[in-house]
Amino acid sequence: MSPELDCLLSEIGEQPQVVQRLLDRQLPAVREIATTIRDRDPSTIVLVARGSSDNAAVYGRYLFEVCNRRLTSLAAPSGLTLYGRGPRLDQTAVIGVSQSGQGEDVVAYVREAREQGAVTVAIVNDETSPLAQTAEWVLACLTGSELSIPATKTVTAQMTLLALLSAALDDPDTTAEALLELPGTLSAALDRRSAASELAGFLGPTTVGSVIGRGFAFPPALEIALKLKETSYTRAEPFSAADFLHGPVTLVEPNYSAMVIDVSGRSSQSAQDIARAVRQRGGQPALIRAGAILGESDLPNLSLVVPVNEPIAPIVALVLGQLFAVELALARGLDPALPRGLHKVTSTR
């Protein structure tokens, strides 16, 4: 085992403690920001991010639109930085999500939003970073240094902060109730590494062509697909279950496998339907499942029954997916901590 792999596994293992730290220390800041947003009552919440942070932002969009019924958009920062024609943002709340806080286009977008009078928030691990210095409000991820190139604990921290903010927008007095079980649940997820290894061994000889989820299962599907690309160089295209049936399902053939994400609740039926469609076309479906109610399945799966509701279960599913990504790389003789040609910080403009 390389020192880099030791570091990656250590950072994955820190995630329960990171979430507990956020619950213990960040509630006052979350409540202040939620109060500001409620008082200013923006017409839209805009999330701006890149890479893994963008996948966390997609999760935030589902939270704010489904749980808070607030119109939410994912920013296209290139409109501003490449074309100089960004949108009007004065009636919005803009949330920049970044691990390093150094991405030039994310910083530029938040700066422009603040100059226009928007509520601006930075969700960032480095509180001294350009993004943190640009935004009016800062929510620190409190993960400590993340040295591994594949992002793990920073992503779960970002998702947790977005879930806390979503809860506080509606009821600031019970901000953390839905998340109180999360640290222990993530510890239980980390205990599933041997099951992740078994599933990876089964799917290793196949082409893992897609990672599919719908609703709250879609954001972890995006991030798990990215982790599979980074760590084992597999195709692993992410799809919404609805979009997959509108054309990409034709990709399915023998030796094609699809990882389907199931976070219980209303999106669960879509997961079952997609798995059935893949199998009917001769492909191999497999499941990553985390939720309060999970039925029996005859498919290869990595599953965990958890005492959290559907909007929170994606964080647990993501940790299971991180373990699977590590084990798939190892099953293929690769070091998941040393993705070729990548660096920890990537800045785009």
Protein backbone atom coordinates (compact mmCIF):
# COMPACT_ATOMS: atom_id res chain seq x y z
CA MET A 1 0.00 0.00 0.00
CA SER A 2 1.41 3.38 -1.02
CA PRO A 3 1.65 6.29 1.45
CA GLU A 4 -0.80 8.15 -0.79
CA LEU A 5 -3.35 5.33 -0.49
CA ASP A 6 -2.90 5.29 3.28
CA CYS A 7 -3.68 9.02 3.25
CA LEU A 8 -6.75 8.61 1.04
CA LEU A 9 -8.20 5.86 3.23
CA SER A 10 -7.48 7.92 6.33
CA GLU A 11 -9.34 10.91 4.90
CA ILE A 12 -12.31 8.74 3.93
CA GLY A 13 -12.30 7.40 7.47
CA GLU A 14 -12.41 10.89 8.99
CA GLN A 15 -15.82 11.73 7.57
CA PRO A 16 -17.95 10.87 10.63
CA GLN A 17 -15.77 13.13 12.77
CA VAL A 18 -15.95 15.92 10.18
CA VAL A 19 -19.75 15.83 10.14
CA GLN A 20 -19.91 15.78 13.93
CA ARG A 21 -17.58 18.79 14.03
CA LEU A 22 -19.89 20.71 11.72
CA LEU A 23 -22.90 19.86 13.87
CA ASP A 24 -21.05 20.98 17.00
CA ARG A 25 -19.52 24.19 15.67
CA GLN A 26 -21.28 25.59 12.61
CA LEU A 27 -24.92 25.89 13.64
CA PRO A 28 -24.67 29.56 14.76
CA ALA A 29 -23.17 30.63 11.42
CA VAL A 30 -25.71 28.55 9.48
CA ARG A 31 -28.59 30.16 11.39
CA GLU A 32 -27.27 33.67 10.79
CA ILE A 33 -27.00 33.05 7.07
CA ALA A 34 -30.45 31.48 6.94
CA THR A 35 -31.91 34.50 8.74
CA THR A 36 -30.22 36.85 6.26
CA ILE A 37 -31.61 34.90 3.30
CA ARG A 38 -35.11 34.83 4.79
CA ASP A 39 -34.99 38.58 5.52
CA ARG A 40 -33.68 39.49 2.08
CA ASP A 41 -36.03 36.99 0.41
CA PRO A 42 -34.09 36.56 -2.87
CA SER A 43 -35.97 35.46 -5.95
CA THR A 44 -33.41 32.74 -6.68
CA ILE A 45 -30.59 30.87 -5.02
CA VAL A 46 -27.61 30.47 -7.35
CA LEU A 47 -24.92 27.86 -6.71
CA VAL A 48 -21.51 28.23 -8.39
CA ALA A 49 -18.83 25.52 -8.28
CA ARG A 50 -16.56 23.24 -10.29
CA GLY A 51 -15.59 19.56 -10.11
CA SER A 52 -16.65 17.60 -7.04
CA SER A 53 -17.94 20.80 -5.48
CA ASP A 54 -20.30 21.17 -8.44
CA ASN A 55 -21.74 17.75 -7.61
CA ALA A 56 -22.30 18.93 -4.04
CA ALA A 57 -23.99 22.01 -5.50
CA VAL A 58 -26.40 19.80 -7.46
CA TYR A 59 -27.33 18.22 -4.13
CA GLY A 60 -27.93 21.71 -2.76
CA ARG A 61 -30.24 22.46 -5.65
CA TYR A 62 -32.40 19.43 -4.83
CA LEU A 63 -32.49 20.45 -1.16
CA PHE A 64 -33.49 24.06 -1.78
CA GLU A 65 -36.04 23.28 -4.48
CA VAL A 66 -37.65 20.17 -2.96
CA CYS A 67 -37.37 20.87 0.77
CA ASN A 68 -37.55 24.69 0.74
CA ARG A 69 -39.46 25.29 -2.51
CA ARG A 70 -36.99 27.99 -3.50
CA LEU A 71 -36.08 28.40 -7.15
CA THR A 72 -32.42 27.39 -7.48
CA SER A 73 -29.99 27.63 -10.37
CA LEU A 74 -26.53 26.27 -11.11
CA ALA A 75 -24.37 29.10 -12.40
CA ALA A 76 -22.51 29.08 -15.71
CA PRO A 77 -19.45 31.08 -14.58
CA SER A 78 -17.93 31.05 -18.06
CA GLY A 79 -20.70 33.43 -19.12
CA LEU A 80 -19.06 36.03 -16.94
CA THR A 81 -15.37 35.14 -17.15
CA LEU A 82 -15.23 34.11 -20.81
CA TYR A 83 -17.87 36.36 -22.37
CA GLY A 84 -18.19 39.17 -19.82
CA ARG A 85 -21.98 38.84 -19.94
CA GLY A 86 -23.09 37.36 -16.64
CA PRO A 87 -26.71 37.64 -15.44
CA ARG A 88 -28.27 40.18 -13.11
CA LEU A 89 -27.76 38.89 -9.59
CA ASP A 90 -29.00 41.71 -7.35
CA GLN A 91 -32.15 39.81 -6.31
CA THR A 92 -30.38 36.50 -5.66
CA ALA A 93 -28.41 34.64 -3.01
CA VAL A 94 -25.19 33.30 -4.52
CA ILE A 95 -23.40 30.40 -2.84
CA GLY A 96 -19.88 29.59 -4.00
CA VAL A 97 -18.85 26.02 -3.20
CA SER A 98 -15.15 25.14 -3.37
CA GLN A 99 -12.64 22.97 -1.56
CA SER A 100 -9.63 25.23 -2.00
CA GLY A 101 -11.45 28.51 -2.62
CA GLN A 102 -8.95 29.28 -5.39
CA GLY A 103 -10.94 28.68 -8.57
CA GLU A 104 -10.73 31.97 -10.44
CA ASP A 105 -14.08 31.70 -12.20
CA VAL A 106 -15.96 30.82 -9.00
CA VAL A 107 -14.30 33.72 -7.16
CA ALA A 108 -15.06 36.12 -10.02
CA TYR A 109 -18.72 35.10 -10.08
CA VAL A 110 -19.16 35.58 -6.33
CA ARG A 111 -17.33 38.92 -6.49
CA GLU A 112 -19.63 40.14 -9.24
CA ALA A 113 -22.68 38.96 -7.30
CA ARG A 114 -21.60 40.83 -4.17
CA GLU A 115 -20.92 44.00 -6.15
CA GLN A 116 -24.45 43.77 -7.53
CA GLY A 117 -25.91 43.48 -4.03
CA ALA A 118 -26.62 39.76 -3.81
CA VAL A 119 -26.34 37.79 -0.59
CA THR A 120 -23.06 35.93 -1.03
CA VAL A 121 -21.90 32.83 0.82
CA ALA A 122 -18.70 30.80 0.50
CA ILE A 123 -18.71 27.13 1.48
CA VAL A 124 -15.00 26.44 1.57
CA ASN A 125 -12.35 24.51 3.46
CA ASP A 126 -9.71 27.26 3.44
CA GLU A 127 -11.01 30.26 5.38
CA THR A 128 -8.11 32.41 4.14
CA SER A 129 -8.73 31.65 0.46
CA PRO A 130 -9.73 34.20 -2.19
CA LEU A 131 -13.29 32.87 -2.23
CA ALA A 132 -13.64 33.20 1.54
CA GLN A 133 -12.31 36.76 1.35
CA THR A 134 -14.72 37.64 -1.45
CA ALA A 135 -18.03 36.44 -0.01
CA GLU A 136 -20.02 38.27 2.65
CA TRP A 137 -20.56 35.07 4.64
CA VAL A 138 -18.33 32.02 5.07
CA LEU A 139 -19.24 28.48 6.07
CA ALA A 140 -16.03 26.59 6.74
CA CYS A 141 -15.93 22.85 6.05
CA LEU A 142 -13.63 22.26 9.05
CA THR A 143 -12.13 19.12 7.54
CA GLY A 144 -8.49 19.97 8.21
CA SER A 145 -6.05 19.50 5.35
CA GLU A 146 -7.23 17.26 2.53
CA LEU A 147 -4.04 16.04 0.87
CA SER A 148 -5.36 13.30 -1.41
CA ILE A 149 -6.12 14.26 -4.99
CA PRO A 150 -9.55 12.55 -5.00
CA ALA A 151 -11.79 14.74 -2.85
CA THR A 152 -13.70 12.85 -0.17
CA LYS A 153 -14.21 14.48 3.22
CA THR A 154 -14.52 17.98 1.76
CA VAL A 155 -17.43 16.85 -0.44
CA THR A 156 -19.37 15.29 2.43
CA ALA A 157 -18.68 18.43 4.48
CA GLN A 158 -20.05 20.64 1.70
CA MET A 159 -23.16 18.47 1.40
CA THR A 160 -23.66 18.53 5.17
CA LEU A 161 -23.42 22.32 5.30
CA LEU A 162 -25.92 22.64 2.46
CA ALA A 163 -28.29 20.28 4.31
CA LEU A 164 -27.90 22.32 7.50
CA LEU A 165 -28.62 25.54 5.62
CA SER A 166 -31.68 24.01 3.96
CA ALA A 167 -33.04 22.92 7.35
CA ALA A 168 -32.38 26.35 8.89
CA LEU A 169 -34.16 28.18 6.06
CA ASP A 170 -37.46 26.68 7.21
CA ASP A 171 -36.97 26.14 10.95
CA PRO A 172 -33.88 27.66 12.57
CA ASP A 173 -34.74 26.17 15.96
CA THR A 174 -34.45 22.56 14.74
CA THR A 175 -31.62 23.01 12.28
CA ALA A 176 -29.72 19.80 12.96
CA GLU A 177 -32.40 17.28 13.91
CA ALA A 178 -32.47 15.52 10.54
CA LEU A 179 -28.67 15.20 10.64
CA LEU A 180 -28.09 14.06 14.20
CA GLU A 181 -27.84 10.42 13.17
CA LEU A 182 -25.47 11.12 10.29
CA PRO A 183 -22.07 10.72 12.02
CA GLY A 184 -22.97 7.29 13.38
CA THR A 185 -24.52 6.32 10.06
CA LEU A 186 -21.34 7.25 8.19
CA SER A 187 -19.34 5.11 10.63
CA ALA A 188 -21.61 2.20 9.76
CA ALA A 189 -21.06 2.90 6.06
CA LEU A 190 -17.28 2.76 6.54
CA ASP A 191 -17.67 -0.71 8.05
CA ARG A 192 -18.94 -1.93 4.66
CA ARG A 193 -15.52 -1.91 3.00
CA SER A 194 -15.37 -5.70 2.67
CA ALA A 195 -18.75 -5.66 0.93
CA ALA A 196 -17.47 -2.90 -1.35
CA SER A 197 -14.46 -5.06 -2.18
CA GLU A 198 -16.69 -8.02 -3.00
CA LEU A 199 -18.85 -5.94 -5.33
CA ALA A 200 -15.75 -4.45 -6.98
CA GLY A 201 -14.36 -7.93 -7.58
CA PHE A 202 -17.61 -8.94 -9.26
CA LEU A 203 -17.81 -5.87 -11.52
CA GLY A 204 -14.08 -5.53 -12.14
CA PRO A 205 -14.06 -7.61 -15.35
CA THR A 206 -17.01 -5.65 -16.80
CA THR A 207 -17.21 -2.21 -18.36
CA VAL A 208 -18.78 0.04 -15.72
CA GLY A 209 -20.39 2.27 -18.28
CA SER A 210 -22.80 4.35 -16.25
CA VAL A 211 -23.80 5.48 -12.78
CA ILE A 212 -27.50 6.27 -12.56
CA GLY A 213 -29.77 7.93 -10.02
CA ARG A 214 -32.91 10.02 -9.99
CA GLY A 215 -34.00 12.80 -7.67
CA PHE A 216 -31.90 12.86 -4.53
CA ALA A 217 -29.98 9.84 -5.85
CA PHE A 218 -28.67 11.87 -8.81
CA PRO A 219 -26.08 14.05 -6.97
CA PRO A 220 -24.22 11.05 -5.45
CA ALA A 221 -24.39 9.37 -8.87
CA LEU A 222 -22.55 12.37 -10.34
CA GLU A 223 -19.83 12.27 -7.70
CA ILE A 224 -19.42 8.47 -7.67
CA ALA A 225 -19.03 8.54 -11.46
CA LEU A 226 -16.32 11.18 -11.11
CA LYS A 227 -14.53 9.11 -8.47
CA LEU A 228 -14.61 6.04 -10.73
CA LYS A 229 -13.13 8.05 -13.59
CA GLU A 230 -10.39 9.49 -11.36
CA THR A 231 -9.42 6.29 -9.59
CA SER A 232 -9.86 3.46 -12.10
CA TYR A 233 -10.17 5.30 -15.45
CA THR A 234 -13.48 3.64 -16.20
CA ARG A 235 -16.04 5.29 -18.45
CA ALA A 236 -18.70 5.65 -15.73
CA GLU A 237 -20.93 8.28 -17.31
CA PRO A 238 -23.45 9.74 -14.84
CA PHE A 239 -27.09 9.88 -15.85
CA SER A 240 -30.41 10.82 -14.38
CA ALA A 241 -32.60 7.72 -14.56
CA ALA A 242 -35.12 9.69 -16.59
CA ASP A 243 -32.50 10.83 -19.11
CA PHE A 244 -30.96 7.37 -19.37
CA LEU A 245 -34.19 5.99 -20.84
CA HIS A 246 -34.26 8.77 -23.45
CA GLY A 247 -31.38 7.34 -25.47
CA PRO A 248 -28.32 6.22 -23.49
CA VAL A 249 -30.05 2.94 -22.60
CA THR A 250 -29.06 1.83 -26.12
CA LEU A 251 -25.46 1.62 -24.85
CA VAL A 252 -26.32 -1.47 -22.84
CA GLU A 253 -24.84 -4.69 -24.21
CA PRO A 254 -23.26 -7.83 -22.77
CA ASN A 255 -20.36 -6.99 -20.42
CA TYR A 256 -21.81 -3.51 -19.84
CA SER A 257 -22.55 -2.83 -16.19
CA ALA A 258 -24.52 0.02 -14.66
CA MET A 259 -24.23 1.17 -11.07
CA VAL A 260 -27.65 2.31 -9.87
CA ILE A 261 -27.93 4.55 -6.79
CA ASP A 262 -30.94 4.09 -4.52
CA VAL A 263 -31.54 6.39 -1.53
CA SER A 264 -34.98 4.97 -0.66
CA GLY A 265 -38.04 7.22 -0.64
CA ARG A 266 -39.77 8.44 -3.76
CA SER A 267 -36.77 7.94 -6.04
CA SER A 268 -36.45 4.25 -5.21
CA GLN A 269 -38.92 3.03 -7.83
CA SER A 270 -36.87 4.70 -10.57
CA ALA A 271 -33.80 2.80 -9.39
CA GLN A 272 -35.65 -0.50 -9.63
CA ASP A 273 -37.01 0.36 -13.08
CA ILE A 274 -33.57 1.26 -14.44
CA ALA A 275 -31.97 -1.86 -13.02
CA ARG A 276 -34.68 -3.95 -14.68
CA ALA A 277 -34.19 -2.17 -18.02
CA VAL A 278 -30.43 -2.77 -17.94
CA ARG A 279 -30.88 -6.46 -17.16
CA GLN A 280 -33.52 -6.93 -19.85
CA ARG A 281 -31.05 -5.61 -22.43
CA GLY A 282 -28.32 -8.05 -21.42
CA GLY A 283 -26.31 -5.74 -19.18
CA GLN A 284 -25.32 -6.16 -15.55
CA PRO A 285 -26.99 -3.80 -13.07
CA ALA A 286 -25.64 -3.37 -9.55
CA LEU A 287 -26.88 -1.25 -6.68
CA ILE A 288 -25.48 1.13 -4.11
CA ARG A 289 -28.28 1.63 -1.60
CA ALA A 290 -28.66 3.71 1.54
CA GLY A 291 -32.02 4.47 3.09
CA ALA A 292 -34.53 3.81 5.80
CA ILE A 293 -36.44 1.16 3.84
CA LEU A 294 -34.59 -1.14 1.45
CA GLY A 295 -36.28 -4.22 0.08
CA GLU A 296 -34.65 -7.48 -0.86
CA SER A 297 -32.71 -7.59 -4.13
CA ASP A 298 -31.23 -10.42 -6.16
CA LEU A 299 -28.79 -7.98 -7.80
CA PRO A 300 -25.18 -7.44 -6.73
CA ASN A 301 -25.36 -4.62 -4.23
CA LEU A 302 -23.67 -2.56 -1.54
CA SER A 303 -26.47 -1.67 0.85
CA LEU A 304 -26.99 -0.09 4.25
CA VAL A 305 -30.25 0.50 6.10
CA VAL A 306 -29.90 3.89 7.80
CA PRO A 307 -32.08 5.97 10.17
CA VAL A 308 -32.09 9.06 7.92
CA ASN A 309 -34.65 10.33 5.46
CA GLU A 310 -34.30 10.55 1.68
CA PRO A 311 -32.81 14.08 1.51
CA ILE A 312 -29.95 13.06 3.87
CA ALA A 313 -29.33 9.52 2.57
CA PRO A 314 -27.30 10.75 -0.47
CA ILE A 315 -24.42 11.64 1.88
CA VAL A 316 -24.35 8.03 3.10
CA ALA A 317 -24.62 6.65 -0.43
CA LEU A 318 -21.67 8.79 -1.45
CA VAL A 319 -19.44 7.31 1.25
CA LEU A 320 -20.39 3.81 0.10
CA GLY A 321 -19.54 4.92 -3.43
CA GLN A 322 -16.14 6.21 -2.33
CA LEU A 323 -15.34 2.80 -0.86
CA PHE A 324 -16.48 1.08 -4.05
CA ALA A 325 -14.32 3.39 -6.19
CA VAL A 326 -11.24 2.59 -4.09
CA GLU A 327 -11.90 -1.14 -4.24
CA LEU A 328 -12.59 -1.17 -7.98
CA ALA A 329 -9.26 0.53 -8.63
CA LEU A 330 -7.47 -1.98 -6.40
CA ALA A 331 -9.25 -4.87 -8.12
CA ARG A 332 -7.85 -3.59 -11.42
CA GLY A 333 -4.32 -3.24 -10.06
CA LEU A 334 -4.40 0.56 -9.85
CA ASP A 335 -3.59 2.96 -7.02
CA PRO A 336 -6.75 5.08 -6.52
CA ALA A 337 -4.76 7.76 -4.70
CA LEU A 338 -2.49 8.48 -7.68
CA PRO A 339 -4.76 9.45 -10.59
CA ARG A 340 -2.62 10.14 -13.62
CA GLY A 341 -2.24 13.72 -14.75
CA LEU A 342 -4.28 15.28 -11.93
CA HIS A 343 -3.33 17.79 -9.25
CA LYS A 344 -5.07 18.67 -6.02
CA VAL A 345 -6.02 22.21 -7.01
CA THR A 346 -7.35 22.96 -10.49
CA SER A 347 -8.13 26.57 -11.30
CA THR A 348 -10.18 27.56 -14.33
CA ARG A 349 -11.16 30.93 -15.61
